[in-house]
Amino acid sequence: MSAKFASTGDLAEKRQTFARLGDGVYCLTAEGDPNSGVIIGDDGVMVIDARATPVMARQLVELIRGVTDKPIKYVVLTHYHAVRVLGASAYGAEQIIASESTRALIVERGRHDMKSEIGRFPRLFDAVETIPGLTWPTMTFKDSLTIWMGKREVRLMHLGPGHTKGDTVVWLPKEKILFSGDLVEEGATPYCGDAYLAEWPDTLERVKKLGARKLVPGRGEAMMTPRAALRAIEATQAFLRAMTGAIRSGVRRRQTLKQVFDATTAALKPLYGRWVIFEHCMPFNVTRGYDEAKGIKDPRIWTAQRDREMWRMLQR
């Protein structure tokens, strides 16, 4: 009997935690569901990752209103995936900010990704009917952008490809607090279906050099010490290297995708099998890694139909 498709069987609600990281800096975590961040400046609020639907975004707005009545001026998209961006309309922000590469990915594959993600993980799209459509950035940047929220300096940086081609990290240089998006995970399996696996570990070296004292990963609890932050970065690197090495070994031996999937999953399961969404991610991860090892540089577009066809083939 094949495993239930992606996360369609994951129906249990997660406990949400709205945690204070520092003066005017917060994060919303939910036991391995996607995280969001909040930065309060002198003149307004920045939200980092918008959540999946307007209804879910309004839950975050209520939490924000518990700590400040300042207007929400900015929503930052760390990347283009639907679960991170489709709630943006609920904030009424003046600017929705993303990297140039993230906007290009929305143009190229945003509609496909929306249908794909809703099909993979329906629980995360509470009140999906309230989504007005794709989220479009109103402001983009190439490599970096500094925003002064009064006296508070916030740096948005694209440090290189990894989880996607356009990943953004949000960095508070004075406080040394980092919001990494899905470049870094904690106790959760990195999703690599749209990844640049050869480059992601090197991008994480640049993340490491920031020297974060606190780090909010894309999934998992906030890392509240420099040692914990470094541990999360290095654990993500270790997973990527182990998985990529296993995939490349199979490709060199001219194994089929199914053979590589079975061998790679078996090799990684003892150490990583308890990480959140391991069973969901591995078919997408190995398929992307197999393509990359075969010379396909840019990830192929996932569609709801391709998702299901791939799943049936690998889980038979």
C-alpha atoms as a PDB file:
ATOM      1  CA  MET A   1       0.000   0.000   0.000  1.00  0.00           C
ATOM      2  CA  SER A   2       1.499   3.336  -1.039  1.00  0.00           C
ATOM      3  CA  ALA A   3       1.925   6.245   1.374  1.00  0.00           C
ATOM      4  CA  LYS A   4      -0.716   8.960   1.399  1.00  0.00           C
ATOM      5  CA  PHE A   5       0.148  11.659  -1.104  1.00  0.00           C
ATOM      6  CA  ALA A   6       2.524  14.321   0.273  1.00  0.00           C
ATOM      7  CA  SER A   7       0.930  15.745   3.461  1.00  0.00           C
ATOM      8  CA  THR A   8      -2.726  15.061   2.684  1.00  0.00           C
ATOM      9  CA  GLY A   9      -2.847  12.781   5.715  1.00  0.00           C
ATOM     10  CA  ASP A  10      -1.444  15.419   8.079  1.00  0.00           C
ATOM     11  CA  LEU A  11      -4.620  16.817   9.616  1.00  0.00           C
ATOM     12  CA  ALA A  12      -3.554  17.512  13.206  1.00  0.00           C
ATOM     13  CA  GLU A  13      -3.533  21.165  14.193  1.00  0.00           C
ATOM     14  CA  LYS A  14      -0.237  22.461  15.546  1.00  0.00           C
ATOM     15  CA  ARG A  15       0.309  24.532  18.681  1.00  0.00           C
ATOM     16  CA  GLN A  16       1.345  28.057  17.720  1.00  0.00           C
ATOM     17  CA  THR A  17       3.911  30.045  19.704  1.00  0.00           C
ATOM     18  CA  PHE A  18       4.393  33.793  19.376  1.00  0.00           C
ATOM     19  CA  ALA A  19       7.826  34.366  20.892  1.00  0.00           C
ATOM     20  CA  ARG A  20       9.751  37.525  21.704  1.00  0.00           C
ATOM     21  CA  LEU A  21      13.318  37.491  20.328  1.00  0.00           C
ATOM     22  CA  GLY A  22      14.293  40.982  21.418  1.00  0.00           C
ATOM     23  CA  ASP A  23      12.931  44.490  21.744  1.00  0.00           C
ATOM     24  CA  GLY A  24      10.236  44.703  19.076  1.00  0.00           C
ATOM     25  CA  VAL A  25      11.238  41.431  17.363  1.00  0.00           C
ATOM     26  CA  TYR A  26       8.977  38.365  17.349  1.00  0.00           C
ATOM     27  CA  CYS A  27       8.388  35.093  15.567  1.00  0.00           C
ATOM     28  CA  LEU A  28       5.402  32.825  15.088  1.00  0.00           C
ATOM     29  CA  THR A  29       6.269  29.119  15.086  1.00  0.00           C
ATOM     30  CA  ALA A  30       3.967  26.114  14.982  1.00  0.00           C
ATOM     31  CA  GLU A  31       5.635  22.758  15.663  1.00  0.00           C
ATOM     32  CA  GLY A  32       7.212  22.427  12.240  1.00  0.00           C
ATOM     33  CA  ASP A  33       4.636  24.326  10.189  1.00  0.00           C
ATOM     34  CA  PRO A  34       5.987  27.370   8.293  1.00  0.00           C
ATOM     35  CA  ASN A  35       7.249  30.225  10.480  1.00  0.00           C
ATOM     36  CA  SER A  36       6.700  33.972  10.191  1.00  0.00           C
ATOM     37  CA  GLY A  37       8.563  36.929  11.670  1.00  0.00           C
ATOM     38  CA  VAL A  38       7.613  40.373  12.973  1.00  0.00           C
ATOM     39  CA  ILE A  39       9.855  43.427  13.328  1.00  0.00           C
ATOM     40  CA  ILE A  40       8.526  46.593  14.951  1.00  0.00           C
ATOM     41  CA  GLY A  41      10.259  49.822  14.021  1.00  0.00           C
ATOM     42  CA  ASP A  42       9.728  53.411  15.094  1.00  0.00           C
ATOM     43  CA  ASP A  43       7.187  54.053  12.369  1.00  0.00           C
ATOM     44  CA  GLY A  44       5.601  50.702  11.596  1.00  0.00           C
ATOM     45  CA  VAL A  45       5.775  46.927  11.376  1.00  0.00           C
ATOM     46  CA  MET A  46       7.421  44.465   9.001  1.00  0.00           C
ATOM     47  CA  VAL A  47       6.032  40.954   8.556  1.00  0.00           C
ATOM     48  CA  ILE A  48       8.365  38.269   7.234  1.00  0.00           C
ATOM     49  CA  ASP A  49       6.489  35.607   5.262  1.00  0.00           C
ATOM     50  CA  ALA A  50       2.794  36.234   4.885  1.00  0.00           C
ATOM     51  CA  ARG A  51       1.289  32.787   5.670  1.00  0.00           C
ATOM     52  CA  ALA A  52      -0.805  30.725   3.286  1.00  0.00           C
ATOM     53  CA  THR A  53      -4.212  32.423   3.318  1.00  0.00           C
ATOM     54  CA  PRO A  54      -5.704  35.760   4.423  1.00  0.00           C
ATOM     55  CA  VAL A  55      -7.555  33.990   7.238  1.00  0.00           C
ATOM     56  CA  MET A  56      -4.283  32.590   8.580  1.00  0.00           C
ATOM     57  CA  ALA A  57      -2.610  35.970   8.120  1.00  0.00           C
ATOM     58  CA  ARG A  58      -5.304  37.627  10.233  1.00  0.00           C
ATOM     59  CA  GLN A  59      -4.356  35.298  13.088  1.00  0.00           C
ATOM     60  CA  LEU A  60      -0.887  36.819  12.956  1.00  0.00           C
ATOM     61  CA  VAL A  61      -2.333  40.333  12.743  1.00  0.00           C
ATOM     62  CA  GLU A  62      -4.214  39.665  16.002  1.00  0.00           C
ATOM     63  CA  LEU A  63      -0.964  38.630  17.678  1.00  0.00           C
ATOM     64  CA  ILE A  64       0.770  41.747  16.366  1.00  0.00           C
ATOM     65  CA  ARG A  65      -2.044  43.906  17.721  1.00  0.00           C
ATOM     66  CA  GLY A  66      -1.349  42.401  21.135  1.00  0.00           C
ATOM     67  CA  VAL A  67       2.083  44.068  21.170  1.00  0.00           C
ATOM     68  CA  THR A  68       1.738  47.198  18.984  1.00  0.00           C
ATOM     69  CA  ASP A  69      -0.839  49.364  17.245  1.00  0.00           C
ATOM     70  CA  LYS A  70       1.647  50.634  14.647  1.00  0.00           C
ATOM     71  CA  PRO A  71       0.679  50.147  11.002  1.00  0.00           C
ATOM     72  CA  ILE A  72       1.953  47.142   9.079  1.00  0.00           C
ATOM     73  CA  LYS A  73       4.073  48.828   6.411  1.00  0.00           C
ATOM     74  CA  TYR A  74       6.074  45.984   4.890  1.00  0.00           C
ATOM     75  CA  VAL A  75       5.572  42.324   4.032  1.00  0.00           C
ATOM     76  CA  VAL A  76       8.776  40.531   3.013  1.00  0.00           C
ATOM     77  CA  LEU A  77       8.595  37.308   1.002  1.00  0.00           C
ATOM     78  CA  THR A  78      11.626  35.121   1.659  1.00  0.00           C
ATOM     79  CA  HIS A  79      10.752  33.129  -1.483  1.00  0.00           C
ATOM     80  CA  TYR A  80       7.851  32.444  -3.813  1.00  0.00           C
ATOM     81  CA  HIS A  81       6.234  29.293  -2.442  1.00  0.00           C
ATOM     82  CA  ALA A  82       2.472  29.607  -1.998  1.00  0.00           C
ATOM     83  CA  VAL A  83       2.433  28.628   1.662  1.00  0.00           C
ATOM     84  CA  ARG A  84       4.596  31.683   2.392  1.00  0.00           C
ATOM     85  CA  VAL A  85       2.960  34.343   0.265  1.00  0.00           C
ATOM     86  CA  LEU A  86      -0.746  33.916  -0.467  1.00  0.00           C
ATOM     87  CA  GLY A  87      -1.954  35.540   2.767  1.00  0.00           C
ATOM     88  CA  ALA A  88      -0.319  38.874   1.974  1.00  0.00           C
ATOM     89  CA  SER A  89      -3.521  40.722   1.108  1.00  0.00           C
ATOM     90  CA  ALA A  90      -4.693  40.603   4.744  1.00  0.00           C
ATOM     91  CA  TYR A  91      -1.987  42.937   6.038  1.00  0.00           C
ATOM     92  CA  GLY A  92      -2.804  46.047   4.020  1.00  0.00           C
ATOM     93  CA  ALA A  93       0.924  46.734   3.752  1.00  0.00           C
ATOM     94  CA  GLU A  94       2.350  49.668   1.825  1.00  0.00           C
ATOM     95  CA  GLN A  95       5.020  47.478   0.238  1.00  0.00           C
ATOM     96  CA  ILE A  96       5.402  43.786  -0.524  1.00  0.00           C
ATOM     97  CA  ILE A  97       9.105  43.119  -0.986  1.00  0.00           C
ATOM     98  CA  ALA A  98      10.965  40.240  -2.646  1.00  0.00           C
ATOM     99  CA  SER A  99      14.136  39.587  -4.578  1.00  0.00           C
ATOM    100  CA  GLU A 100      14.083  40.083  -8.342  1.00  0.00           C
ATOM    101  CA  SER A 101      14.552  36.343  -8.803  1.00  0.00           C
ATOM    102  CA  THR A 102      11.564  35.603  -6.582  1.00  0.00           C
ATOM    103  CA  ARG A 103       9.350  37.872  -8.657  1.00  0.00           C
ATOM    104  CA  ALA A 104      10.589  36.160 -11.830  1.00  0.00           C
ATOM    105  CA  LEU A 105       9.666  32.784 -10.340  1.00  0.00           C
ATOM    106  CA  ILE A 106       6.161  34.021  -9.529  1.00  0.00           C
ATOM    107  CA  VAL A 107       5.801  35.093 -13.155  1.00  0.00           C
ATOM    108  CA  GLU A 108       7.128  31.778 -14.449  1.00  0.00           C
ATOM    109  CA  ARG A 109       5.508  29.268 -12.110  1.00  0.00           C
ATOM    110  CA  GLY A 110       3.377  30.991  -9.479  1.00  0.00           C
ATOM    111  CA  ARG A 111       0.020  29.662 -10.688  1.00  0.00           C
ATOM    112  CA  HIS A 112       1.344  26.131 -11.048  1.00  0.00           C
ATOM    113  CA  ASP A 113       2.899  26.305  -7.587  1.00  0.00           C
ATOM    114  CA  MET A 114      -0.318  27.563  -6.014  1.00  0.00           C
ATOM    115  CA  LYS A 115      -2.335  24.586  -7.271  1.00  0.00           C
ATOM    116  CA  SER A 116       0.499  22.195  -6.498  1.00  0.00           C
ATOM    117  CA  GLU A 117       0.954  23.264  -2.871  1.00  0.00           C
ATOM    118  CA  ILE A 118      -2.751  23.384  -2.079  1.00  0.00           C
ATOM    119  CA  GLY A 119      -3.005  19.821  -3.334  1.00  0.00           C
ATOM    120  CA  ARG A 120       0.008  18.633  -1.367  1.00  0.00           C
ATOM    121  CA  PHE A 121      -0.812  20.148   2.027  1.00  0.00           C
ATOM    122  CA  PRO A 122      -4.481  21.156   2.324  1.00  0.00           C
ATOM    123  CA  ARG A 123      -4.369  21.714   6.115  1.00  0.00           C
ATOM    124  CA  LEU A 124      -1.991  24.645   5.669  1.00  0.00           C
ATOM    125  CA  PHE A 125      -4.453  26.436   3.399  1.00  0.00           C
ATOM    126  CA  ASP A 126      -7.229  27.165   5.877  1.00  0.00           C
ATOM    127  CA  ALA A 127     -10.087  29.017   4.133  1.00  0.00           C
ATOM    128  CA  VAL A 128      -8.378  28.622   0.774  1.00  0.00           C
ATOM    129  CA  GLU A 129     -11.347  30.310  -0.887  1.00  0.00           C
ATOM    130  CA  THR A 130     -10.294  33.653   0.655  1.00  0.00           C
ATOM    131  CA  ILE A 131      -7.080  33.820  -1.420  1.00  0.00           C
ATOM    132  CA  PRO A 132      -7.626  36.595  -3.994  1.00  0.00           C
ATOM    133  CA  GLY A 133      -4.941  35.317  -6.369  1.00  0.00           C
ATOM    134  CA  LEU A 134      -1.183  35.412  -6.678  1.00  0.00           C
ATOM    135  CA  THR A 135       0.819  37.764  -4.467  1.00  0.00           C
ATOM    136  CA  TRP A 136       2.836  40.279  -6.488  1.00  0.00           C
ATOM    137  CA  PRO A 137       5.780  42.192  -5.016  1.00  0.00           C
ATOM    138  CA  THR A 138       5.582  45.967  -5.239  1.00  0.00           C
ATOM    139  CA  MET A 139       9.308  46.403  -4.568  1.00  0.00           C
ATOM    140  CA  THR A 140      12.215  44.177  -5.613  1.00  0.00           C
ATOM    141  CA  PHE A 141      15.985  44.130  -5.172  1.00  0.00           C
ATOM    142  CA  LYS A 142      18.858  42.232  -6.746  1.00  0.00           C
ATOM    143  CA  ASP A 143      21.399  41.478  -4.011  1.00  0.00           C
ATOM    144  CA  SER A 144      20.530  43.591  -0.977  1.00  0.00           C
ATOM    145  CA  LEU A 145      18.210  46.281   0.310  1.00  0.00           C
ATOM    146  CA  THR A 146      18.430  48.239   3.556  1.00  0.00           C
ATOM    147  CA  ILE A 147      15.238  49.540   5.113  1.00  0.00           C
ATOM    148  CA  TRP A 148      15.349  52.031   7.943  1.00  0.00           C
ATOM    149  CA  MET A 149      12.310  51.667  10.162  1.00  0.00           C
ATOM    150  CA  GLY A 150      13.055  54.869  11.996  1.00  0.00           C
ATOM    151  CA  LYS A 151      16.296  54.120  13.838  1.00  0.00           C
ATOM    152  CA  ARG A 152      16.021  50.373  13.290  1.00  0.00           C
ATOM    153  CA  GLU A 153      18.131  49.010  10.427  1.00  0.00           C
ATOM    154  CA  VAL A 154      16.798  45.977   8.562  1.00  0.00           C
ATOM    155  CA  ARG A 155      18.842  44.359   5.788  1.00  0.00           C
ATOM    156  CA  LEU A 156      17.281  42.139   3.167  1.00  0.00           C
ATOM    157  CA  MET A 157      19.867  40.000   1.407  1.00  0.00           C
ATOM    158  CA  HIS A 158      19.954  37.471  -1.397  1.00  0.00           C
ATOM    159  CA  LEU A 159      23.049  35.451  -0.504  1.00  0.00           C
ATOM    160  CA  GLY A 160      22.814  32.927  -3.314  1.00  0.00           C
ATOM    161  CA  PRO A 161      20.641  30.091  -4.608  1.00  0.00           C
ATOM    162  CA  GLY A 162      19.531  27.372  -2.248  1.00  0.00           C
ATOM    163  CA  HIS A 163      15.976  26.409  -1.380  1.00  0.00           C
ATOM    164  CA  THR A 164      15.013  28.371  -4.511  1.00  0.00           C
ATOM    165  CA  LYS A 165      16.820  30.680  -6.915  1.00  0.00           C
ATOM    166  CA  GLY A 166      15.586  33.796  -5.118  1.00  0.00           C
ATOM    167  CA  ASP A 167      15.866  33.193  -1.358  1.00  0.00           C
ATOM    168  CA  THR A 168      15.945  36.266   0.886  1.00  0.00           C
ATOM    169  CA  VAL A 169      17.220  36.442   4.454  1.00  0.00           C
ATOM    170  CA  VAL A 170      16.230  39.256   6.805  1.00  0.00           C
ATOM    171  CA  TRP A 171      19.031  40.460   9.055  1.00  0.00           C
ATOM    172  CA  LEU A 172      19.052  42.826  12.018  1.00  0.00           C
ATOM    173  CA  PRO A 173      22.750  43.784  12.206  1.00  0.00           C
ATOM    174  CA  LYS A 174      22.597  45.534  15.575  1.00  0.00           C
ATOM    175  CA  GLU A 175      20.723  42.737  17.325  1.00  0.00           C
ATOM    176  CA  LYS A 176      22.311  39.982  15.184  1.00  0.00           C
ATOM    177  CA  ILE A 177      18.936  38.325  14.686  1.00  0.00           C
ATOM    178  CA  LEU A 178      18.394  36.423  11.440  1.00  0.00           C
ATOM    179  CA  PHE A 179      15.226  35.267   9.696  1.00  0.00           C
ATOM    180  CA  SER A 180      16.520  32.660   7.245  1.00  0.00           C
ATOM    181  CA  GLY A 181      13.384  31.514   5.455  1.00  0.00           C
ATOM    182  CA  ASP A 182      13.681  27.933   4.259  1.00  0.00           C
ATOM    183  CA  LEU A 183      17.409  28.199   3.642  1.00  0.00           C
ATOM    184  CA  VAL A 184      17.712  26.839   7.200  1.00  0.00           C
ATOM    185  CA  GLU A 185      15.418  24.359   8.925  1.00  0.00           C
ATOM    186  CA  GLU A 186      15.360  23.040  12.487  1.00  0.00           C
ATOM    187  CA  GLY A 187      14.111  19.515  13.007  1.00  0.00           C
ATOM    188  CA  ALA A 188      12.296  19.704   9.682  1.00  0.00           C
ATOM    189  CA  THR A 189      13.259  18.169   6.362  1.00  0.00           C
ATOM    190  CA  PRO A 190      14.455  20.754   3.831  1.00  0.00           C
ATOM    191  CA  TYR A 191      12.191  20.791   0.796  1.00  0.00           C
ATOM    192  CA  CYS A 192      14.416  20.609  -2.283  1.00  0.00           C
ATOM    193  CA  GLY A 193      11.992  20.296  -5.171  1.00  0.00           C
ATOM    194  CA  ASP A 194      12.966  23.767  -6.443  1.00  0.00           C
ATOM    195  CA  ALA A 195      16.490  23.756  -5.048  1.00  0.00           C
ATOM    196  CA  TYR A 196      19.982  24.384  -6.331  1.00  0.00           C
ATOM    197  CA  LEU A 197      21.622  21.569  -4.444  1.00  0.00           C
ATOM    198  CA  ALA A 198      25.173  22.146  -5.657  1.00  0.00           C
ATOM    199  CA  GLU A 199      25.049  25.746  -4.423  1.00  0.00           C
ATOM    200  CA  TRP A 200      22.877  25.592  -1.308  1.00  0.00           C
ATOM    201  CA  PRO A 201      25.615  24.475   1.138  1.00  0.00           C
ATOM    202  CA  ASP A 202      27.870  27.306  -0.083  1.00  0.00           C
ATOM    203  CA  THR A 203      25.048  29.808   0.367  1.00  0.00           C
ATOM    204  CA  LEU A 204      24.718  28.524   3.925  1.00  0.00           C
ATOM    205  CA  GLU A 205      28.409  29.268   4.482  1.00  0.00           C
ATOM    206  CA  ARG A 206      27.583  32.912   3.759  1.00  0.00           C
ATOM    207  CA  VAL A 207      24.657  32.687   6.171  1.00  0.00           C
ATOM    208  CA  LYS A 208      27.022  31.255   8.767  1.00  0.00           C
ATOM    209  CA  LYS A 209      29.433  34.166   8.396  1.00  0.00           C
ATOM    210  CA  LEU A 210      26.766  36.612   9.574  1.00  0.00           C
ATOM    211  CA  GLY A 211      27.290  35.244  13.077  1.00  0.00           C
ATOM    212  CA  ALA A 212      23.652  35.224  14.164  1.00  0.00           C
ATOM    213  CA  ARG A 213      23.005  35.306  17.883  1.00  0.00           C
ATOM    214  CA  LYS A 214      19.415  34.223  17.273  1.00  0.00           C
ATOM    215  CA  LEU A 215      17.933  32.588  14.193  1.00  0.00           C
ATOM    216  CA  VAL A 216      14.384  31.920  13.046  1.00  0.00           C
ATOM    217  CA  PRO A 217      14.417  29.039  10.543  1.00  0.00           C
ATOM    218  CA  GLY A 218      11.777  28.408   7.926  1.00  0.00           C
ATOM    219  CA  ARG A 219      10.356  25.585  10.029  1.00  0.00           C
ATOM    220  CA  GLY A 220      11.034  24.550  13.604  1.00  0.00           C
ATOM    221  CA  GLU A 221      11.592  26.419  16.831  1.00  0.00           C
ATOM    222  CA  ALA A 222      13.582  29.622  17.037  1.00  0.00           C
ATOM    223  CA  MET A 223      17.272  29.242  17.819  1.00  0.00           C
ATOM    224  CA  MET A 224      17.909  31.483  20.815  1.00  0.00           C
ATOM    225  CA  THR A 225      21.704  31.253  21.159  1.00  0.00           C
ATOM    226  CA  PRO A 226      24.656  31.521  18.756  1.00  0.00           C
ATOM    227  CA  ARG A 227      25.458  27.854  19.310  1.00  0.00           C
ATOM    228  CA  ALA A 228      21.901  26.776  18.511  1.00  0.00           C
ATOM    229  CA  ALA A 229      21.820  28.978  15.400  1.00  0.00           C
ATOM    230  CA  LEU A 230      25.053  27.451  14.130  1.00  0.00           C
ATOM    231  CA  ARG A 231      23.779  23.954  14.888  1.00  0.00           C
ATOM    232  CA  ALA A 232      20.654  24.501  12.764  1.00  0.00           C
ATOM    233  CA  ILE A 233      22.685  25.811   9.826  1.00  0.00           C
ATOM    234  CA  GLU A 234      25.144  22.935   9.981  1.00  0.00           C
ATOM    235  CA  ALA A 235      22.396  20.337  10.382  1.00  0.00           C
ATOM    236  CA  THR A 236      20.747  21.654   7.217  1.00  0.00           C
ATOM    237  CA  GLN A 237      24.085  21.514   5.401  1.00  0.00           C
ATOM    238  CA  ALA A 238      24.690  17.966   6.615  1.00  0.00           C
ATOM    239  CA  PHE A 239      21.318  16.780   5.344  1.00  0.00           C
ATOM    240  CA  LEU A 240      21.866  18.383   1.944  1.00  0.00           C
ATOM    241  CA  ARG A 241      25.341  16.910   1.555  1.00  0.00           C
ATOM    242  CA  ALA A 242      24.266  13.437   2.631  1.00  0.00           C
ATOM    243  CA  MET A 243      21.289  13.426   0.303  1.00  0.00           C
ATOM    244  CA  THR A 244      23.131  14.905  -2.657  1.00  0.00           C
ATOM    245  CA  GLY A 245      26.016  12.485  -2.220  1.00  0.00           C
ATOM    246  CA  ALA A 246      23.690   9.494  -2.208  1.00  0.00           C
ATOM    247  CA  ILE A 247      21.829  10.702  -5.294  1.00  0.00           C
ATOM    248  CA  ARG A 248      24.993  11.396  -7.269  1.00  0.00           C
ATOM    249  CA  SER A 249      26.372   7.981  -6.341  1.00  0.00           C
ATOM    250  CA  GLY A 250      23.279   6.316  -7.760  1.00  0.00           C
ATOM    251  CA  VAL A 251      23.384   8.390 -10.944  1.00  0.00           C
ATOM    252  CA  ARG A 252      27.028   7.462 -11.474  1.00  0.00           C
ATOM    253  CA  ARG A 253      25.977   3.808 -11.255  1.00  0.00           C
ATOM    254  CA  ARG A 254      23.262   4.505 -13.857  1.00  0.00           C
ATOM    255  CA  GLN A 255      20.456   3.609 -11.524  1.00  0.00           C
ATOM    256  CA  THR A 256      16.880   4.570 -12.317  1.00  0.00           C
ATOM    257  CA  LEU A 257      15.136   7.382 -10.435  1.00  0.00           C
ATOM    258  CA  LYS A 258      13.129   4.795  -8.501  1.00  0.00           C
ATOM    259  CA  GLN A 259      16.291   2.934  -7.495  1.00  0.00           C
ATOM    260  CA  VAL A 260      17.995   6.162  -6.412  1.00  0.00           C
ATOM    261  CA  PHE A 261      14.915   7.216  -4.446  1.00  0.00           C
ATOM    262  CA  ASP A 262      14.696   3.932  -2.591  1.00  0.00           C
ATOM    263  CA  ALA A 263      18.415   3.855  -1.770  1.00  0.00           C
ATOM    264  CA  THR A 264      18.653   7.516  -0.761  1.00  0.00           C
ATOM    265  CA  THR A 265      15.569   7.379   1.447  1.00  0.00           C
ATOM    266  CA  ALA A 266      16.839   4.244   3.157  1.00  0.00           C
ATOM    267  CA  ALA A 267      20.260   5.843   3.729  1.00  0.00           C
ATOM    268  CA  LEU A 268      18.852   9.039   5.244  1.00  0.00           C
ATOM    269  CA  LYS A 269      15.967   7.624   7.264  1.00  0.00           C
ATOM    270  CA  PRO A 270      17.952   6.440  10.315  1.00  0.00           C
ATOM    271  CA  LEU A 271      19.245   9.953  11.004  1.00  0.00           C
ATOM    272  CA  TYR A 272      16.563  12.183   9.503  1.00  0.00           C
ATOM    273  CA  GLY A 273      13.408  10.086   9.303  1.00  0.00           C
ATOM    274  CA  ARG A 274      11.884  11.747  12.375  1.00  0.00           C
ATOM    275  CA  TRP A 275      12.278  15.226  10.979  1.00  0.00           C
ATOM    276  CA  VAL A 276       8.995  16.920  10.114  1.00  0.00           C
ATOM    277  CA  ILE A 277       7.700  16.254   6.547  1.00  0.00           C
ATOM    278  CA  PHE A 278      10.439  13.717   5.751  1.00  0.00           C
ATOM    279  CA  GLU A 279       8.056  11.387   3.907  1.00  0.00           C
ATOM    280  CA  HIS A 280       6.483  14.344   2.088  1.00  0.00           C
ATOM    281  CA  CYS A 281       9.754  15.885   0.923  1.00  0.00           C
ATOM    282  CA  MET A 282      11.896  12.948  -0.112  1.00  0.00           C
ATOM    283  CA  PRO A 283      10.161  12.073  -3.414  1.00  0.00           C
ATOM    284  CA  PHE A 284      10.350  15.716  -4.541  1.00  0.00           C
ATOM    285  CA  ASN A 285      13.891  16.096  -3.198  1.00  0.00           C
ATOM    286  CA  VAL A 286      15.327  13.026  -4.901  1.00  0.00           C
ATOM    287  CA  THR A 287      13.571  13.816  -8.166  1.00  0.00           C
ATOM    288  CA  ARG A 288      15.138  17.277  -8.211  1.00  0.00           C
ATOM    289  CA  GLY A 289      18.536  15.932  -7.156  1.00  0.00           C
ATOM    290  CA  TYR A 290      18.404  13.281  -9.863  1.00  0.00           C
ATOM    291  CA  ASP A 291      17.652  15.950 -12.482  1.00  0.00           C
ATOM    292  CA  GLU A 292      20.506  18.129 -11.267  1.00  0.00           C
ATOM    293  CA  ALA A 293      22.943  15.229 -11.250  1.00  0.00           C
ATOM    294  CA  LYS A 294      21.888  14.531 -14.848  1.00  0.00           C
ATOM    295  CA  GLY A 295      22.751  18.114 -15.843  1.00  0.00           C
ATOM    296  CA  ILE A 296      19.369  19.874 -15.566  1.00  0.00           C
ATOM    297  CA  LYS A 297      20.466  23.126 -13.932  1.00  0.00           C
ATOM    298  CA  ASP A 298      17.121  24.832 -13.300  1.00  0.00           C
ATOM    299  CA  PRO A 299      14.332  22.967 -11.501  1.00  0.00           C
ATOM    300  CA  ARG A 300      11.482  21.810 -13.687  1.00  0.00           C
ATOM    301  CA  ILE A 301       8.095  23.286 -12.860  1.00  0.00           C
ATOM    302  CA  TRP A 302       5.970  21.247 -10.494  1.00  0.00           C
ATOM    303  CA  THR A 303       2.291  21.016 -11.376  1.00  0.00           C
ATOM    304  CA  ALA A 304      -0.528  19.266  -9.548  1.00  0.00           C
ATOM    305  CA  GLN A 305      -0.513  16.590 -12.263  1.00  0.00           C
ATOM    306  CA  ARG A 306       3.255  16.102 -12.237  1.00  0.00           C
ATOM    307  CA  ASP A 307       3.189  15.845  -8.430  1.00  0.00           C
ATOM    308  CA  ARG A 308       0.762  12.952  -8.502  1.00  0.00           C
ATOM    309  CA  GLU A 309       2.462  11.135 -11.377  1.00  0.00           C
ATOM    310  CA  MET A 310       5.840  11.329  -9.654  1.00  0.00           C
ATOM    311  CA  TRP A 311       4.377  10.161  -6.344  1.00  0.00           C
ATOM    312  CA  ARG A 312       2.689   7.125  -7.880  1.00  0.00           C
ATOM    313  CA  MET A 313       5.860   6.132  -9.704  1.00  0.00           C
ATOM    314  CA  LEU A 314       8.158   6.382  -6.675  1.00  0.00           C
ATOM    315  CA  GLN A 315       5.796   5.028  -4.011  1.00  0.00           C
ATOM    316  CA  ARG A 316       4.620   1.935  -5.889  1.00  0.00           C
END
